[in-house]
Amino acid sequence: MTATPATAPALNYSTAHFMLSAPSLAQCPNDNGAEVAFAGRSNAGKSSAINALTRQNALARTSRTPGRTQLINFFSVMNATSQRLVDLPGYGYAKVPESVKREWQEHLSDYLRGRQSLRGLVLLMDVRHPLTEFDQMMLGFADERDLPVQILLTKADKLKKGPANNSLQKVRSQLSDWEDLVSVQLFSALKKDGLEPLSKRLDQWLMHPTEA
């Protein structure tokens, strides 16, 4: 009787550590292996989500001044530089000149369109204010290259269960035409809710990129 092959272990995201920060696509690490990018408006809780996922308090910098992170930040997982998490610059409420905001957007566009090792996008939205103009723009980038997206409706702890689920269903309904590309879930970095489905999706993208 042939033994069933063992299932590959899930990645241990608590091993993630900082690699480098890049101001543009040209300064990013070698474009090989597999990576997953986290994107969201400056107040969507992106850094908090990354820290919750990796069980580290300060891997991704959080700030009381939204939009201070202007670089593309790379983190390796399991000490393997071929598997990476990427923290993209926040966008939206930063108190910076419009020209700087346009430059950030150009870097985001270059990265999302040109990075071949990018296997999936985690798009964070405040559960109380989902699908903003920025969110729609990011979904447009993903649609251009058939890039799968995991939407985290963050700060779900700010709403009671009923309203939070209503917001979840509304977003799913609005994105029903993209159901083959986009998945949506509730998430709370504070309560550590939603980590399991997020981890499973990241495992799929990083460990089996050709199947994602």
C-alpha atoms as a PDB file:
ATOM      1  CA  MET A   1       0.000   0.000   0.000  1.00  0.00           C
ATOM      2  CA  THR A   2       1.454   3.342  -1.057  1.00  0.00           C
ATOM      3  CA  ALA A   3       1.719   5.920   1.698  1.00  0.00           C
ATOM      4  CA  THR A   4      -0.020   9.229   1.138  1.00  0.00           C
ATOM      5  CA  PRO A   5       2.522  12.044   0.813  1.00  0.00           C
ATOM      6  CA  ALA A   6       2.649  14.284   3.861  1.00  0.00           C
ATOM      7  CA  THR A   7       1.144  17.707   3.492  1.00  0.00           C
ATOM      8  CA  ALA A   8       3.742  20.467   3.433  1.00  0.00           C
ATOM      9  CA  PRO A   9       3.823  22.364   6.715  1.00  0.00           C
ATOM     10  CA  ALA A  10       2.344  25.846   6.858  1.00  0.00           C
ATOM     11  CA  LEU A  11       4.804  28.706   6.822  1.00  0.00           C
ATOM     12  CA  ASN A  12       5.763  30.139  10.198  1.00  0.00           C
ATOM     13  CA  TYR A  13       5.132  33.842   9.741  1.00  0.00           C
ATOM     14  CA  SER A  14       6.574  34.662  13.146  1.00  0.00           C
ATOM     15  CA  THR A  15      10.002  34.040  11.567  1.00  0.00           C
ATOM     16  CA  ALA A  16       9.571  37.018   9.247  1.00  0.00           C
ATOM     17  CA  HIS A  17      12.334  39.579   9.432  1.00  0.00           C
ATOM     18  CA  PHE A  18      13.184  42.807   7.655  1.00  0.00           C
ATOM     19  CA  MET A  19      15.186  42.565   4.417  1.00  0.00           C
ATOM     20  CA  LEU A  20      15.329  46.031   2.904  1.00  0.00           C
ATOM     21  CA  SER A  21      13.379  49.143   1.926  1.00  0.00           C
ATOM     22  CA  ALA A  22      13.213  50.288  -1.684  1.00  0.00           C
ATOM     23  CA  PRO A  23      12.102  53.716  -2.939  1.00  0.00           C
ATOM     24  CA  SER A  24      11.212  52.313  -6.376  1.00  0.00           C
ATOM     25  CA  LEU A  25      10.931  49.119  -8.415  1.00  0.00           C
ATOM     26  CA  ALA A  26      14.544  49.400  -9.566  1.00  0.00           C
ATOM     27  CA  GLN A  27      15.836  49.075  -5.989  1.00  0.00           C
ATOM     28  CA  CYS A  28      13.705  46.040  -5.084  1.00  0.00           C
ATOM     29  CA  PRO A  29      15.321  42.632  -4.401  1.00  0.00           C
ATOM     30  CA  ASN A  30      15.934  40.197  -7.255  1.00  0.00           C
ATOM     31  CA  ASP A  31      12.640  39.431  -8.975  1.00  0.00           C
ATOM     32  CA  ASN A  32      12.517  35.691  -8.253  1.00  0.00           C
ATOM     33  CA  GLY A  33      10.753  33.373  -5.833  1.00  0.00           C
ATOM     34  CA  ALA A  34       7.308  34.405  -4.581  1.00  0.00           C
ATOM     35  CA  GLU A  35       6.046  37.398  -2.647  1.00  0.00           C
ATOM     36  CA  VAL A  36       2.746  38.761  -1.368  1.00  0.00           C
ATOM     37  CA  ALA A  37       2.118  42.491  -1.080  1.00  0.00           C
ATOM     38  CA  PHE A  38       0.001  44.281   1.520  1.00  0.00           C
ATOM     39  CA  ALA A  39      -1.700  47.483   0.362  1.00  0.00           C
ATOM     40  CA  GLY A  40      -4.227  49.863   1.863  1.00  0.00           C
ATOM     41  CA  ARG A  41      -5.082  53.427   2.654  1.00  0.00           C
ATOM     42  CA  SER A  42      -2.907  55.023   5.281  1.00  0.00           C
ATOM     43  CA  ASN A  43      -5.516  54.527   8.009  1.00  0.00           C
ATOM     44  CA  ALA A  44      -6.597  50.992   7.080  1.00  0.00           C
ATOM     45  CA  GLY A  45      -4.442  49.228   9.684  1.00  0.00           C
ATOM     46  CA  LYS A  46      -1.961  47.656   7.275  1.00  0.00           C
ATOM     47  CA  SER A  47       1.053  47.697   9.600  1.00  0.00           C
ATOM     48  CA  SER A  48      -1.039  46.386  12.496  1.00  0.00           C
ATOM     49  CA  ALA A  49      -2.225  43.482  10.338  1.00  0.00           C
ATOM     50  CA  ILE A  50       1.320  42.533   9.344  1.00  0.00           C
ATOM     51  CA  ASN A  51       2.440  42.699  12.967  1.00  0.00           C
ATOM     52  CA  ALA A  52      -0.507  40.526  14.044  1.00  0.00           C
ATOM     53  CA  LEU A  53       0.229  37.976  11.315  1.00  0.00           C
ATOM     54  CA  THR A  54       3.891  37.735  12.281  1.00  0.00           C
ATOM     55  CA  ARG A  55       3.214  37.971  16.027  1.00  0.00           C
ATOM     56  CA  GLN A  56       5.711  40.789  16.260  1.00  0.00           C
ATOM     57  CA  ASN A  57       4.956  44.162  17.794  1.00  0.00           C
ATOM     58  CA  ALA A  58       7.059  46.321  15.518  1.00  0.00           C
ATOM     59  CA  LEU A  59       8.047  44.418  12.371  1.00  0.00           C
ATOM     60  CA  ALA A  60       6.004  46.825  10.275  1.00  0.00           C
ATOM     61  CA  ARG A  61       6.151  50.365  11.567  1.00  0.00           C
ATOM     62  CA  THR A  62       2.927  51.867  12.820  1.00  0.00           C
ATOM     63  CA  SER A  63       2.504  55.590  13.201  1.00  0.00           C
ATOM     64  CA  ARG A  64       0.028  58.088  14.550  1.00  0.00           C
ATOM     65  CA  THR A  65       0.718  60.098  11.415  1.00  0.00           C
ATOM     66  CA  PRO A  66      -0.807  58.121   8.518  1.00  0.00           C
ATOM     67  CA  GLY A  67       1.226  57.952   5.360  1.00  0.00           C
ATOM     68  CA  ARG A  68       4.704  58.292   6.837  1.00  0.00           C
ATOM     69  CA  THR A  69       5.848  55.033   5.239  1.00  0.00           C
ATOM     70  CA  GLN A  70       6.963  56.061   1.756  1.00  0.00           C
ATOM     71  CA  LEU A  71       9.073  53.014   0.884  1.00  0.00           C
ATOM     72  CA  ILE A  72       8.408  49.477  -0.359  1.00  0.00           C
ATOM     73  CA  ASN A  73       9.436  47.302   2.583  1.00  0.00           C
ATOM     74  CA  PHE A  74      10.434  43.653   2.142  1.00  0.00           C
ATOM     75  CA  PHE A  75      10.379  40.916   4.804  1.00  0.00           C
ATOM     76  CA  SER A  76      11.659  37.368   4.330  1.00  0.00           C
ATOM     77  CA  VAL A  77       9.778  34.366   5.751  1.00  0.00           C
ATOM     78  CA  MET A  78      11.360  31.213   7.239  1.00  0.00           C
ATOM     79  CA  ASN A  79      14.808  32.718   6.559  1.00  0.00           C
ATOM     80  CA  ALA A  80      14.156  32.159   2.850  1.00  0.00           C
ATOM     81  CA  THR A  81      14.668  35.232   0.720  1.00  0.00           C
ATOM     82  CA  SER A  82      12.650  33.475  -2.007  1.00  0.00           C
ATOM     83  CA  GLN A  83       9.449  33.864   0.082  1.00  0.00           C
ATOM     84  CA  ARG A  84       8.646  37.435   0.993  1.00  0.00           C
ATOM     85  CA  LEU A  85       6.002  39.699   2.489  1.00  0.00           C
ATOM     86  CA  VAL A  86       5.917  43.216   1.080  1.00  0.00           C
ATOM     87  CA  ASP A  87       4.562  46.300   2.833  1.00  0.00           C
ATOM     88  CA  LEU A  88       3.572  48.858   0.192  1.00  0.00           C
ATOM     89  CA  PRO A  89       3.358  52.598   0.940  1.00  0.00           C
ATOM     90  CA  GLY A  90       0.074  53.699   2.455  1.00  0.00           C
ATOM     91  CA  TYR A  91      -1.967  56.175   0.486  1.00  0.00           C
ATOM     92  CA  GLY A  92      -4.709  58.651   1.251  1.00  0.00           C
ATOM     93  CA  TYR A  93      -4.522  60.805   4.338  1.00  0.00           C
ATOM     94  CA  ALA A  94      -0.811  61.630   4.317  1.00  0.00           C
ATOM     95  CA  LYS A  95      -0.162  65.334   4.844  1.00  0.00           C
ATOM     96  CA  VAL A  96       2.342  65.636   2.022  1.00  0.00           C
ATOM     97  CA  PRO A  97       2.383  67.673  -1.199  1.00  0.00           C
ATOM     98  CA  GLU A  98       0.254  66.396  -4.060  1.00  0.00           C
ATOM     99  CA  SER A  99       3.377  65.863  -6.153  1.00  0.00           C
ATOM    100  CA  VAL A 100       4.701  63.423  -3.549  1.00  0.00           C
ATOM    101  CA  LYS A 101       1.396  61.538  -3.532  1.00  0.00           C
ATOM    102  CA  ARG A 102       1.569  61.212  -7.313  1.00  0.00           C
ATOM    103  CA  GLU A 103       5.112  59.860  -7.020  1.00  0.00           C
ATOM    104  CA  TRP A 104       3.953  57.234  -4.479  1.00  0.00           C
ATOM    105  CA  GLN A 105       1.167  56.219  -6.849  1.00  0.00           C
ATOM    106  CA  GLU A 106       3.632  55.854  -9.734  1.00  0.00           C
ATOM    107  CA  HIS A 107       5.853  53.581  -7.628  1.00  0.00           C
ATOM    108  CA  LEU A 108       2.849  51.479  -6.628  1.00  0.00           C
ATOM    109  CA  SER A 109       1.803  51.198 -10.260  1.00  0.00           C
ATOM    110  CA  ASP A 110       5.312  50.209 -11.389  1.00  0.00           C
ATOM    111  CA  TYR A 111       5.567  47.575  -8.674  1.00  0.00           C
ATOM    112  CA  LEU A 112       2.115  46.046  -9.186  1.00  0.00           C
ATOM    113  CA  ARG A 113       2.442  45.949 -12.972  1.00  0.00           C
ATOM    114  CA  GLY A 114       6.089  44.984 -13.268  1.00  0.00           C
ATOM    115  CA  ARG A 115       6.936  42.665 -10.369  1.00  0.00           C
ATOM    116  CA  GLN A 116       6.865  39.124 -11.764  1.00  0.00           C
ATOM    117  CA  SER A 117       7.385  37.381  -8.411  1.00  0.00           C
ATOM    118  CA  LEU A 118       4.231  38.976  -7.000  1.00  0.00           C
ATOM    119  CA  ARG A 119       1.742  36.115  -6.460  1.00  0.00           C
ATOM    120  CA  GLY A 120      -1.073  37.831  -4.588  1.00  0.00           C
ATOM    121  CA  LEU A 121      -2.287  41.088  -3.083  1.00  0.00           C
ATOM    122  CA  VAL A 122      -3.692  41.562   0.412  1.00  0.00           C
ATOM    123  CA  LEU A 123      -5.861  44.680   0.217  1.00  0.00           C
ATOM    124  CA  LEU A 124      -6.880  46.187   3.543  1.00  0.00           C
ATOM    125  CA  MET A 125     -10.007  48.302   3.956  1.00  0.00           C
ATOM    126  CA  ASP A 126     -11.566  49.762   7.080  1.00  0.00           C
ATOM    127  CA  VAL A 127     -14.755  47.701   7.533  1.00  0.00           C
ATOM    128  CA  ARG A 128     -16.653  50.967   8.138  1.00  0.00           C
ATOM    129  CA  HIS A 129     -15.420  52.619   4.914  1.00  0.00           C
ATOM    130  CA  PRO A 130     -14.706  49.933   2.273  1.00  0.00           C
ATOM    131  CA  LEU A 131     -14.173  50.233  -1.483  1.00  0.00           C
ATOM    132  CA  THR A 132     -12.822  53.768  -1.589  1.00  0.00           C
ATOM    133  CA  GLU A 133     -11.436  55.273  -4.779  1.00  0.00           C
ATOM    134  CA  PHE A 134      -7.969  54.002  -3.797  1.00  0.00           C
ATOM    135  CA  ASP A 135      -9.313  50.496  -3.215  1.00  0.00           C
ATOM    136  CA  GLN A 136     -10.927  50.509  -6.644  1.00  0.00           C
ATOM    137  CA  MET A 137      -7.638  51.634  -8.180  1.00  0.00           C
ATOM    138  CA  MET A 138      -5.759  48.759  -6.525  1.00  0.00           C
ATOM    139  CA  LEU A 139      -8.357  46.255  -7.701  1.00  0.00           C
ATOM    140  CA  GLY A 140      -7.922  47.659 -11.190  1.00  0.00           C
ATOM    141  CA  PHE A 141      -4.176  46.976 -11.061  1.00  0.00           C
ATOM    142  CA  ALA A 142      -4.864  43.424  -9.901  1.00  0.00           C
ATOM    143  CA  ASP A 143      -7.435  42.874 -12.630  1.00  0.00           C
ATOM    144  CA  GLU A 144      -4.952  43.961 -15.313  1.00  0.00           C
ATOM    145  CA  ARG A 145      -2.708  40.979 -14.591  1.00  0.00           C
ATOM    146  CA  ASP A 146      -5.220  38.515 -13.123  1.00  0.00           C
ATOM    147  CA  LEU A 147      -3.590  38.851  -9.710  1.00  0.00           C
ATOM    148  CA  PRO A 148      -5.591  37.201  -6.889  1.00  0.00           C
ATOM    149  CA  VAL A 149      -6.644  39.474  -4.041  1.00  0.00           C
ATOM    150  CA  GLN A 150      -7.497  38.765  -0.401  1.00  0.00           C
ATOM    151  CA  ILE A 151      -9.485  41.686   1.004  1.00  0.00           C
ATOM    152  CA  LEU A 152      -9.245  42.221   4.755  1.00  0.00           C
ATOM    153  CA  LEU A 153     -12.074  44.295   6.198  1.00  0.00           C
ATOM    154  CA  THR A 154     -10.031  45.579   9.104  1.00  0.00           C
ATOM    155  CA  LYS A 155     -11.002  46.960  12.503  1.00  0.00           C
ATOM    156  CA  ALA A 156     -13.950  44.547  12.612  1.00  0.00           C
ATOM    157  CA  ASP A 157     -13.831  44.861  16.415  1.00  0.00           C
ATOM    158  CA  LYS A 158     -15.128  48.430  15.998  1.00  0.00           C
ATOM    159  CA  LEU A 159     -18.519  47.062  14.919  1.00  0.00           C
ATOM    160  CA  LYS A 160     -20.927  44.615  16.474  1.00  0.00           C
ATOM    161  CA  LYS A 161     -21.210  41.226  14.797  1.00  0.00           C
ATOM    162  CA  GLY A 162     -24.375  42.071  12.834  1.00  0.00           C
ATOM    163  CA  PRO A 163     -23.155  45.316  11.228  1.00  0.00           C
ATOM    164  CA  ALA A 164     -19.729  43.768  10.541  1.00  0.00           C
ATOM    165  CA  ASN A 165     -21.314  40.828   8.708  1.00  0.00           C
ATOM    166  CA  ASN A 166     -23.586  43.218   6.818  1.00  0.00           C
ATOM    167  CA  SER A 167     -20.536  45.122   5.598  1.00  0.00           C
ATOM    168  CA  LEU A 168     -18.874  41.838   4.596  1.00  0.00           C
ATOM    169  CA  GLN A 169     -21.877  40.729   2.562  1.00  0.00           C
ATOM    170  CA  LYS A 170     -22.240  44.138   0.938  1.00  0.00           C
ATOM    171  CA  VAL A 171     -18.618  44.144  -0.238  1.00  0.00           C
ATOM    172  CA  ARG A 172     -18.947  40.581  -1.520  1.00  0.00           C
ATOM    173  CA  SER A 173     -22.065  41.575  -3.425  1.00  0.00           C
ATOM    174  CA  GLN A 174     -20.375  44.624  -4.949  1.00  0.00           C
ATOM    175  CA  LEU A 175     -17.467  42.456  -6.100  1.00  0.00           C
ATOM    176  CA  SER A 176     -19.547  39.500  -7.273  1.00  0.00           C
ATOM    177  CA  ASP A 177     -18.261  39.879 -10.839  1.00  0.00           C
ATOM    178  CA  TRP A 178     -14.724  39.326  -9.520  1.00  0.00           C
ATOM    179  CA  GLU A 179     -15.420  36.332  -7.292  1.00  0.00           C
ATOM    180  CA  ASP A 180     -12.897  34.182  -9.189  1.00  0.00           C
ATOM    181  CA  LEU A 181     -10.153  36.683  -8.387  1.00  0.00           C
ATOM    182  CA  VAL A 182     -11.142  38.272  -5.069  1.00  0.00           C
ATOM    183  CA  SER A 183     -11.906  36.832  -1.623  1.00  0.00           C
ATOM    184  CA  VAL A 184     -13.209  38.941   1.269  1.00  0.00           C
ATOM    185  CA  GLN A 185     -12.964  38.367   5.023  1.00  0.00           C
ATOM    186  CA  LEU A 186     -13.384  40.218   8.295  1.00  0.00           C
ATOM    187  CA  PHE A 187     -10.202  40.974  10.222  1.00  0.00           C
ATOM    188  CA  SER A 188      -9.219  42.450  13.580  1.00  0.00           C
ATOM    189  CA  ALA A 189      -5.546  42.926  14.418  1.00  0.00           C
ATOM    190  CA  LEU A 190      -6.530  43.859  17.965  1.00  0.00           C
ATOM    191  CA  LYS A 191      -8.542  40.676  18.592  1.00  0.00           C
ATOM    192  CA  LYS A 192      -6.349  38.525  16.303  1.00  0.00           C
ATOM    193  CA  ASP A 193      -9.520  37.533  14.426  1.00  0.00           C
ATOM    194  CA  GLY A 194      -9.145  36.376  10.829  1.00  0.00           C
ATOM    195  CA  LEU A 195      -5.516  35.256  11.037  1.00  0.00           C
ATOM    196  CA  GLU A 196      -6.188  31.631  10.067  1.00  0.00           C
ATOM    197  CA  PRO A 197      -7.860  32.261   6.680  1.00  0.00           C
ATOM    198  CA  LEU A 198      -5.252  34.913   5.905  1.00  0.00           C
ATOM    199  CA  SER A 199      -2.378  32.553   6.736  1.00  0.00           C
ATOM    200  CA  LYS A 200      -3.877  29.778   4.613  1.00  0.00           C
ATOM    201  CA  ARG A 201      -4.186  32.085   1.628  1.00  0.00           C
ATOM    202  CA  LEU A 202      -0.609  33.295   2.044  1.00  0.00           C
ATOM    203  CA  ASP A 203       0.575  29.678   2.299  1.00  0.00           C
ATOM    204  CA  GLN A 204      -1.125  28.951  -1.025  1.00  0.00           C
ATOM    205  CA  TRP A 205       0.485  31.905  -2.757  1.00  0.00           C
ATOM    206  CA  LEU A 206       3.969  31.535  -1.298  1.00  0.00           C
ATOM    207  CA  MET A 207       4.334  27.763  -1.135  1.00  0.00           C
ATOM    208  CA  HIS A 208       2.424  26.744  -4.274  1.00  0.00           C
ATOM    209  CA  PRO A 209       2.558  29.848  -6.489  1.00  0.00           C
ATOM    210  CA  THR A 210       1.823  27.948  -9.703  1.00  0.00           C
ATOM    211  CA  GLU A 211      -1.452  26.681  -8.228  1.00  0.00           C
ATOM    212  CA  ALA A 212      -2.680  30.065  -6.956  1.00  0.00           C
END
